[in-house]
Amino acid sequence: MSEETKRIIVGDHMNDLLREGREHRLEHELRAAASARTAATGHGPARVRLGHWLIVVGSAVAGTTAEAPDRSPG
């Protein structure tokens, strides 16, 4: 393999690494911005909001312990 070929391969590899680094930094910045928005609005991530919603709906459908009918024999 010639020196020129090696330089081209190394150059391509370095460009790939730099591009990948930029992508990771951008992803990190986007997550930080989303986290800041979440903190400012007082809402958690969508997964947490969905979990809370499911708990409320499940409680409404099943009823709370206080609303549950007495099933003791008697």
PDB file of N, CA and C in Angstrom:
ATOM      1  N   MET A   1       0.852  -1.157   0.000  1.00  0.00           N
ATOM      2  CA  MET A   1       0.000   0.000   0.000  1.00  0.00           C
ATOM      3  C   MET A   1       0.912   1.239   0.000  1.00  0.00           C
ATOM      4  N   SER A   2       0.580   2.184  -0.839  1.00  0.00           N
ATOM      5  CA  SER A   2       1.427   3.374  -0.954  1.00  0.00           C
ATOM      6  C   SER A   2       1.127   4.370   0.178  1.00  0.00           C
ATOM      7  N   GLU A   3       2.043   5.313   0.357  1.00  0.00           N
ATOM      8  CA  GLU A   3       1.871   6.342   1.389  1.00  0.00           C
ATOM      9  C   GLU A   3       0.628   7.179   1.115  1.00  0.00           C
ATOM     10  N   GLU A   4       0.410   7.476  -0.135  1.00  0.00           N
ATOM     11  CA  GLU A   4      -0.754   8.296  -0.499  1.00  0.00           C
ATOM     12  C   GLU A   4      -2.053   7.570  -0.141  1.00  0.00           C
ATOM     13  N   THR A   5      -2.135   6.283  -0.399  1.00  0.00           N
ATOM     14  CA  THR A   5      -3.315   5.494  -0.064  1.00  0.00           C
ATOM     15  C   THR A   5      -3.537   5.478   1.440  1.00  0.00           C
ATOM     16  N   LYS A   6      -2.450   5.312   2.196  1.00  0.00           N
ATOM     17  CA  LYS A   6      -2.556   5.322   3.663  1.00  0.00           C
ATOM     18  C   LYS A   6      -3.075   6.662   4.165  1.00  0.00           C
ATOM     19  N   ARG A   7      -2.566   7.742   3.591  1.00  0.00           N
ATOM     20  CA  ARG A   7      -3.031   9.075   3.998  1.00  0.00           C
ATOM     21  C   ARG A   7      -4.518   9.264   3.716  1.00  0.00           C
ATOM     22  N   ILE A   8      -4.953   8.775   2.584  1.00  0.00           N
ATOM     23  CA  ILE A   8      -6.371   8.888   2.221  1.00  0.00           C
ATOM     24  C   ILE A   8      -7.228   8.099   3.206  1.00  0.00           C
ATOM     25  N   ILE A   9      -6.817   6.885   3.513  1.00  0.00           N
ATOM     26  CA  ILE A   9      -7.573   6.038   4.450  1.00  0.00           C
ATOM     27  C   ILE A   9      -7.627   6.685   5.831  1.00  0.00           C
ATOM     28  N   VAL A  10      -6.483   7.161   6.319  1.00  0.00           N
ATOM     29  CA  VAL A  10      -6.438   7.800   7.639  1.00  0.00           C
ATOM     30  C   VAL A  10      -7.271   9.073   7.633  1.00  0.00           C
ATOM     31  N   GLY A  11      -7.176   9.856   6.570  1.00  0.00           N
ATOM     32  CA  GLY A  11      -7.967  11.082   6.458  1.00  0.00           C
ATOM     33  C   GLY A  11      -9.465  10.799   6.493  1.00  0.00           C
ATOM     34  N   ASP A  12      -9.885   9.775   5.746  1.00  0.00           N
ATOM     35  CA  ASP A  12     -11.299   9.384   5.748  1.00  0.00           C
ATOM     36  C   ASP A  12     -11.747   8.949   7.136  1.00  0.00           C
ATOM     37  N   HIS A  13     -10.906   8.169   7.795  1.00  0.00           N
ATOM     38  CA  HIS A  13     -11.245   7.685   9.131  1.00  0.00           C
ATOM     39  C   HIS A  13     -11.365   8.857  10.111  1.00  0.00           C
ATOM     40  N   MET A  14     -10.446   9.802  10.031  1.00  0.00           N
ATOM     41  CA  MET A  14     -10.494  10.966  10.919  1.00  0.00           C
ATOM     42  C   MET A  14     -11.738  11.808  10.643  1.00  0.00           C
ATOM     43  N   ASN A  15     -12.089  11.967   9.382  1.00  0.00           N
ATOM     44  CA  ASN A  15     -13.307  12.711   9.040  1.00  0.00           C
ATOM     45  C   ASN A  15     -14.549  12.020   9.600  1.00  0.00           C
ATOM     46  N   ASP A  16     -14.573  10.687   9.516  1.00  0.00           N
ATOM     47  CA  ASP A  16     -15.691   9.926  10.092  1.00  0.00           C
ATOM     48  C   ASP A  16     -15.785  10.149  11.595  1.00  0.00           C
ATOM     49  N   LEU A  17     -14.643  10.119  12.282  1.00  0.00           N
ATOM     50  CA  LEU A  17     -14.633  10.319  13.731  1.00  0.00           C
ATOM     51  C   LEU A  17     -15.088  11.730  14.104  1.00  0.00           C
ATOM     52  N   LEU A  18     -14.644  12.728  13.356  1.00  0.00           N
ATOM     53  CA  LEU A  18     -15.056  14.109  13.621  1.00  0.00           C
ATOM     54  C   LEU A  18     -16.558  14.287  13.399  1.00  0.00           C
ATOM     55  N   ARG A  19     -17.079  13.694  12.327  1.00  0.00           N
ATOM     56  CA  ARG A  19     -18.513  13.763  12.044  1.00  0.00           C
ATOM     57  C   ARG A  19     -19.305  13.101  13.167  1.00  0.00           C
ATOM     58  N   GLU A  20     -18.841  11.937  13.597  1.00  0.00           N
ATOM     59  CA  GLU A  20     -19.504  11.218  14.679  1.00  0.00           C
ATOM     60  C   GLU A  20     -19.480  12.039  15.975  1.00  0.00           C
ATOM     61  N   GLY A  21     -18.381  12.704  16.243  1.00  0.00           N
ATOM     62  CA  GLY A  21     -18.280  13.557  17.423  1.00  0.00           C
ATOM     63  C   GLY A  21     -19.269  14.707  17.362  1.00  0.00           C
ATOM     64  N   ARG A  22     -19.409  15.326  16.188  1.00  0.00           N
ATOM     65  CA  ARG A  22     -20.387  16.419  16.033  1.00  0.00           C
ATOM     66  C   ARG A  22     -21.802  15.915  16.272  1.00  0.00           C
ATOM     67  N   GLU A  23     -22.108  14.728  15.757  1.00  0.00           N
ATOM     68  CA  GLU A  23     -23.444  14.155  15.951  1.00  0.00           C
ATOM     69  C   GLU A  23     -23.718  13.910  17.431  1.00  0.00           C
ATOM     70  N   HIS A  24     -22.738  13.388  18.151  1.00  0.00           N
ATOM     71  CA  HIS A  24     -22.908  13.120  19.583  1.00  0.00           C
ATOM     72  C   HIS A  24     -23.099  14.415  20.366  1.00  0.00           C
ATOM     73  N   ARG A  25     -22.326  15.454  20.017  1.00  0.00           N
ATOM     74  CA  ARG A  25     -22.480  16.738  20.695  1.00  0.00           C
ATOM     75  C   ARG A  25     -23.859  17.327  20.437  1.00  0.00           C
ATOM     76  N   LEU A  26     -24.327  17.255  19.203  1.00  0.00           N
ATOM     77  CA  LEU A  26     -25.647  17.774  18.857  1.00  0.00           C
ATOM     78  C   LEU A  26     -26.736  17.021  19.617  1.00  0.00           C
ATOM     79  N   GLU A  27     -26.619  15.703  19.660  1.00  0.00           N
ATOM     80  CA  GLU A  27     -27.588  14.888  20.389  1.00  0.00           C
ATOM     81  C   GLU A  27     -27.606  15.272  21.871  1.00  0.00           C
ATOM     82  N   HIS A  28     -26.431  15.480  22.446  1.00  0.00           N
ATOM     83  CA  HIS A  28     -26.331  15.877  23.852  1.00  0.00           C
ATOM     84  C   HIS A  28     -26.983  17.247  24.070  1.00  0.00           C
ATOM     85  N   GLU A  29     -26.726  18.187  23.171  1.00  0.00           N
ATOM     86  CA  GLU A  29     -27.326  19.516  23.292  1.00  0.00           C
ATOM     87  C   GLU A  29     -28.844  19.459  23.165  1.00  0.00           C
ATOM     88  N   LEU A  30     -29.347  18.623  22.256  1.00  0.00           N
ATOM     89  CA  LEU A  30     -30.797  18.486  22.092  1.00  0.00           C
ATOM     90  C   LEU A  30     -31.437  17.890  23.345  1.00  0.00           C
ATOM     91  N   ARG A  31     -30.789  16.889  23.931  1.00  0.00           N
ATOM     92  CA  ARG A  31     -31.317  16.297  25.165  1.00  0.00           C
ATOM     93  C   ARG A  31     -31.317  17.305  26.303  1.00  0.00           C
ATOM     94  N   ALA A  32     -30.251  18.104  26.401  1.00  0.00           N
ATOM     95  CA  ALA A  32     -30.167  19.118  27.447  1.00  0.00           C
ATOM     96  C   ALA A  32     -31.261  20.166  27.268  1.00  0.00           C
ATOM     97  N   ALA A  33     -31.504  20.573  26.029  1.00  0.00           N
ATOM     98  CA  ALA A  33     -32.553  21.555  25.765  1.00  0.00           C
ATOM     99  C   ALA A  33     -33.926  20.974  26.101  1.00  0.00           C
ATOM    100  N   ALA A  34     -34.161  19.728  25.750  1.00  0.00           N
ATOM    101  CA  ALA A  34     -35.441  19.085  26.066  1.00  0.00           C
ATOM    102  C   ALA A  34     -35.614  18.965  27.578  1.00  0.00           C
ATOM    103  N   SER A  35     -34.541  18.652  28.268  1.00  0.00           N
ATOM    104  CA  SER A  35     -34.594  18.534  29.716  1.00  0.00           C
ATOM    105  C   SER A  35     -34.900  19.884  30.349  1.00  0.00           C
ATOM    106  N   ALA A  36     -34.304  20.946  29.818  1.00  0.00           N
ATOM    107  CA  ALA A  36     -34.568  22.287  30.338  1.00  0.00           C
ATOM    108  C   ALA A  36     -36.016  22.680  30.099  1.00  0.00           C
ATOM    109  N   ARG A  37     -36.560  22.342  28.926  1.00  0.00           N
ATOM    110  CA  ARG A  37     -37.980  22.636  28.642  1.00  0.00           C
ATOM    111  C   ARG A  37     -38.877  21.871  29.592  1.00  0.00           C
ATOM    112  N   THR A  38     -38.539  20.613  29.842  1.00  0.00           N
ATOM    113  CA  THR A  38     -39.327  19.780  30.747  1.00  0.00           C
ATOM    114  C   THR A  38     -39.324  20.378  32.144  1.00  0.00           C
ATOM    115  N   ALA A  39     -38.181  20.823  32.603  1.00  0.00           N
ATOM    116  CA  ALA A  39     -38.083  21.423  33.934  1.00  0.00           C
ATOM    117  C   ALA A  39     -38.864  22.736  33.992  1.00  0.00           C
ATOM    118  N   ALA A  40     -38.848  23.505  32.916  1.00  0.00           N
ATOM    119  CA  ALA A  40     -39.542  24.794  32.890  1.00  0.00           C
ATOM    120  C   ALA A  40     -41.057  24.618  32.889  1.00  0.00           C
ATOM    121  N   THR A  41     -41.565  23.563  32.244  1.00  0.00           N
ATOM    122  CA  THR A  41     -43.011  23.357  32.165  1.00  0.00           C
ATOM    123  C   THR A  41     -43.541  22.555  33.333  1.00  0.00           C
ATOM    124  N   GLY A  42     -42.668  21.880  34.059  1.00  0.00           N
ATOM    125  CA  GLY A  42     -43.098  21.080  35.196  1.00  0.00           C
ATOM    126  C   GLY A  42     -43.617  19.708  34.813  1.00  0.00           C
ATOM    127  N   HIS A  43     -43.499  19.365  33.546  1.00  0.00           N
ATOM    128  CA  HIS A  43     -43.945  18.044  33.093  1.00  0.00           C
ATOM    129  C   HIS A  43     -42.725  17.155  32.925  1.00  0.00           C
ATOM    130  N   GLY A  44     -42.907  15.881  33.243  1.00  0.00           N
ATOM    131  CA  GLY A  44     -41.825  14.933  33.061  1.00  0.00           C
ATOM    132  C   GLY A  44     -41.774  14.460  31.630  1.00  0.00           C
ATOM    133  N   PRO A  45     -40.885  13.537  31.350  1.00  0.00           N
ATOM    134  CA  PRO A  45     -40.820  12.966  30.000  1.00  0.00           C
ATOM    135  C   PRO A  45     -42.137  12.294  29.639  1.00  0.00           C
ATOM    136  N   ALA A  46     -42.350  12.117  28.364  1.00  0.00           N
ATOM    137  CA  ALA A  46     -43.613  11.546  27.879  1.00  0.00           C
ATOM    138  C   ALA A  46     -43.900  10.197  28.519  1.00  0.00           C
ATOM    139  N   ARG A  47     -42.882   9.397  28.742  1.00  0.00           N
ATOM    140  CA  ARG A  47     -43.071   8.075  29.330  1.00  0.00           C
ATOM    141  C   ARG A  47     -43.630   8.194  30.747  1.00  0.00           C
ATOM    142  N   VAL A  48     -43.135   9.171  31.507  1.00  0.00           N
ATOM    143  CA  VAL A  48     -43.612   9.377  32.877  1.00  0.00           C
ATOM    144  C   VAL A  48     -45.049   9.885  32.859  1.00  0.00           C
ATOM    145  N   ARG A  49     -45.333  10.830  31.959  1.00  0.00           N
ATOM    146  CA  ARG A  49     -46.705  11.349  31.864  1.00  0.00           C
ATOM    147  C   ARG A  49     -47.674  10.242  31.480  1.00  0.00           C
ATOM    148  N   LEU A  50     -47.264   9.377  30.564  1.00  0.00           N
ATOM    149  CA  LEU A  50     -48.113   8.254  30.164  1.00  0.00           C
ATOM    150  C   LEU A  50     -48.350   7.323  31.351  1.00  0.00           C
ATOM    151  N   GLY A  51     -47.316   7.062  32.122  1.00  0.00           N
ATOM    152  CA  GLY A  51     -47.464   6.209  33.305  1.00  0.00           C
ATOM    153  C   GLY A  51     -48.449   6.803  34.302  1.00  0.00           C
ATOM    154  N   HIS A  52     -48.357   8.101  34.544  1.00  0.00           N
ATOM    155  CA  HIS A  52     -49.293   8.759  35.468  1.00  0.00           C
ATOM    156  C   HIS A  52     -50.717   8.677  34.933  1.00  0.00           C
ATOM    157  N   TRP A  53     -50.854   8.902  33.628  1.00  0.00           N
ATOM    158  CA  TRP A  53     -52.175   8.834  33.018  1.00  0.00           C
ATOM    159  C   TRP A  53     -52.754   7.426  33.157  1.00  0.00           C
ATOM    160  N   LEU A  54     -51.948   6.404  32.931  1.00  0.00           N
ATOM    161  CA  LEU A  54     -52.429   5.030  33.060  1.00  0.00           C
ATOM    162  C   LEU A  54     -52.857   4.722  34.495  1.00  0.00           C
ATOM    163  N   ILE A  55     -52.139   5.239  35.462  1.00  0.00           N
ATOM    164  CA  ILE A  55     -52.514   5.020  36.858  1.00  0.00           C
ATOM    165  C   ILE A  55     -53.866   5.663  37.150  1.00  0.00           C
ATOM    166  N   VAL A  56     -54.064   6.889  36.681  1.00  0.00           N
ATOM    167  CA  VAL A  56     -55.331   7.585  36.911  1.00  0.00           C
ATOM    168  C   VAL A  56     -56.476   6.837  36.240  1.00  0.00           C
ATOM    169  N   VAL A  57     -56.282   6.439  35.000  1.00  0.00           N
ATOM    170  CA  VAL A  57     -57.338   5.717  34.280  1.00  0.00           C
ATOM    171  C   VAL A  57     -57.608   4.377  34.952  1.00  0.00           C
ATOM    172  N   GLY A  58     -56.568   3.660  35.336  1.00  0.00           N
ATOM    173  CA  GLY A  58     -56.758   2.368  36.009  1.00  0.00           C
ATOM    174  C   GLY A  58     -57.496   2.520  37.319  1.00  0.00           C
ATOM    175  N   SER A  59     -57.172   3.567  38.075  1.00  0.00           N
ATOM    176  CA  SER A  59     -57.879   3.807  39.338  1.00  0.00           C
ATOM    177  C   SER A  59     -59.340   4.156  39.085  1.00  0.00           C
ATOM    178  N   ALA A  60     -59.603   4.925  38.039  1.00  0.00           N
ATOM    179  CA  ALA A  60     -60.980   5.295  37.723  1.00  0.00           C
ATOM    180  C   ALA A  60     -61.795   4.076  37.305  1.00  0.00           C
ATOM    181  N   VAL A  61     -61.190   3.190  36.547  1.00  0.00           N
ATOM    182  CA  VAL A  61     -61.904   1.993  36.082  1.00  0.00           C
ATOM    183  C   VAL A  61     -62.092   1.003  37.221  1.00  0.00           C
ATOM    184  N   ALA A  62     -61.039   0.762  37.981  1.00  0.00           N
ATOM    185  CA  ALA A  62     -61.101  -0.243  39.040  1.00  0.00           C
ATOM    186  C   ALA A  62     -61.711   0.313  40.318  1.00  0.00           C
ATOM    187  N   GLY A  63     -61.670   1.610  40.480  1.00  0.00           N
ATOM    188  CA  GLY A  63     -62.132   2.205  41.727  1.00  0.00           C
ATOM    189  C   GLY A  63     -61.027   2.133  42.760  1.00  0.00           C
ATOM    190  N   THR A  64     -61.091   3.020  43.733  1.00  0.00           N
ATOM    191  CA  THR A  64     -60.087   2.986  44.786  1.00  0.00           C
ATOM    192  C   THR A  64     -60.497   1.974  45.843  1.00  0.00           C
ATOM    193  N   THR A  65     -59.635   1.710  46.787  1.00  0.00           N
ATOM    194  CA  THR A  65     -59.944   0.731  47.840  1.00  0.00           C
ATOM    195  C   THR A  65     -61.154   1.175  48.639  1.00  0.00           C
ATOM    196  N   ALA A  66     -61.290   2.477  48.842  1.00  0.00           N
ATOM    197  CA  ALA A  66     -62.419   2.985  49.613  1.00  0.00           C
ATOM    198  C   ALA A  66     -63.734   2.790  48.874  1.00  0.00           C
ATOM    199  N   GLU A  67     -63.701   2.810  47.560  1.00  0.00           N
ATOM    200  CA  GLU A  67     -64.913   2.659  46.768  1.00  0.00           C
ATOM    201  C   GLU A  67     -65.245   1.202  46.450  1.00  0.00           C
ATOM    202  N   ALA A  68     -64.306   0.300  46.705  1.00  0.00           N
ATOM    203  CA  ALA A  68     -64.515  -1.096  46.351  1.00  0.00           C
ATOM    204  C   ALA A  68     -65.622  -1.698  47.233  1.00  0.00           C
ATOM    205  N   PRO A  69     -66.494  -2.494  46.628  1.00  0.00           N
ATOM    206  CA  PRO A  69     -67.567  -3.102  47.423  1.00  0.00           C
ATOM    207  C   PRO A  69     -67.012  -4.085  48.443  1.00  0.00           C
ATOM    208  N   ASP A  70     -67.722  -4.225  49.535  1.00  0.00           N
ATOM    209  CA  ASP A  70     -67.333  -5.150  50.583  1.00  0.00           C
ATOM    210  C   ASP A  70     -67.630  -6.568  50.112  1.00  0.00           C
ATOM    211  N   ARG A  71     -66.620  -7.408  50.004  1.00  0.00           N
ATOM    212  CA  ARG A  71     -66.814  -8.774  49.492  1.00  0.00           C
ATOM    213  C   ARG A  71     -66.653  -9.808  50.604  1.00  0.00           C
ATOM    214  N   SER A  72     -66.689  -9.353  51.833  1.00  0.00           N
ATOM    215  CA  SER A  72     -66.553 -10.319  52.926  1.00  0.00           C
ATOM    216  C   SER A  72     -67.855 -11.096  53.061  1.00  0.00           C
ATOM    217  N   PRO A  73     -67.757 -12.401  53.423  1.00  0.00           N
ATOM    218  CA  PRO A  73     -68.971 -13.214  53.571  1.00  0.00           C
ATOM    219  C   PRO A  73     -69.801 -12.700  54.755  1.00  0.00           C
ATOM    220  N   GLY A  74     -71.077 -12.711  54.600  1.00  0.00           N
ATOM    221  CA  GLY A  74     -71.858 -12.284  55.739  1.00  0.00           C
ATOM    222  C   GLY A  74     -73.142 -11.824  55.402  1.00  0.00           C
TER     223      GLY A  74
END
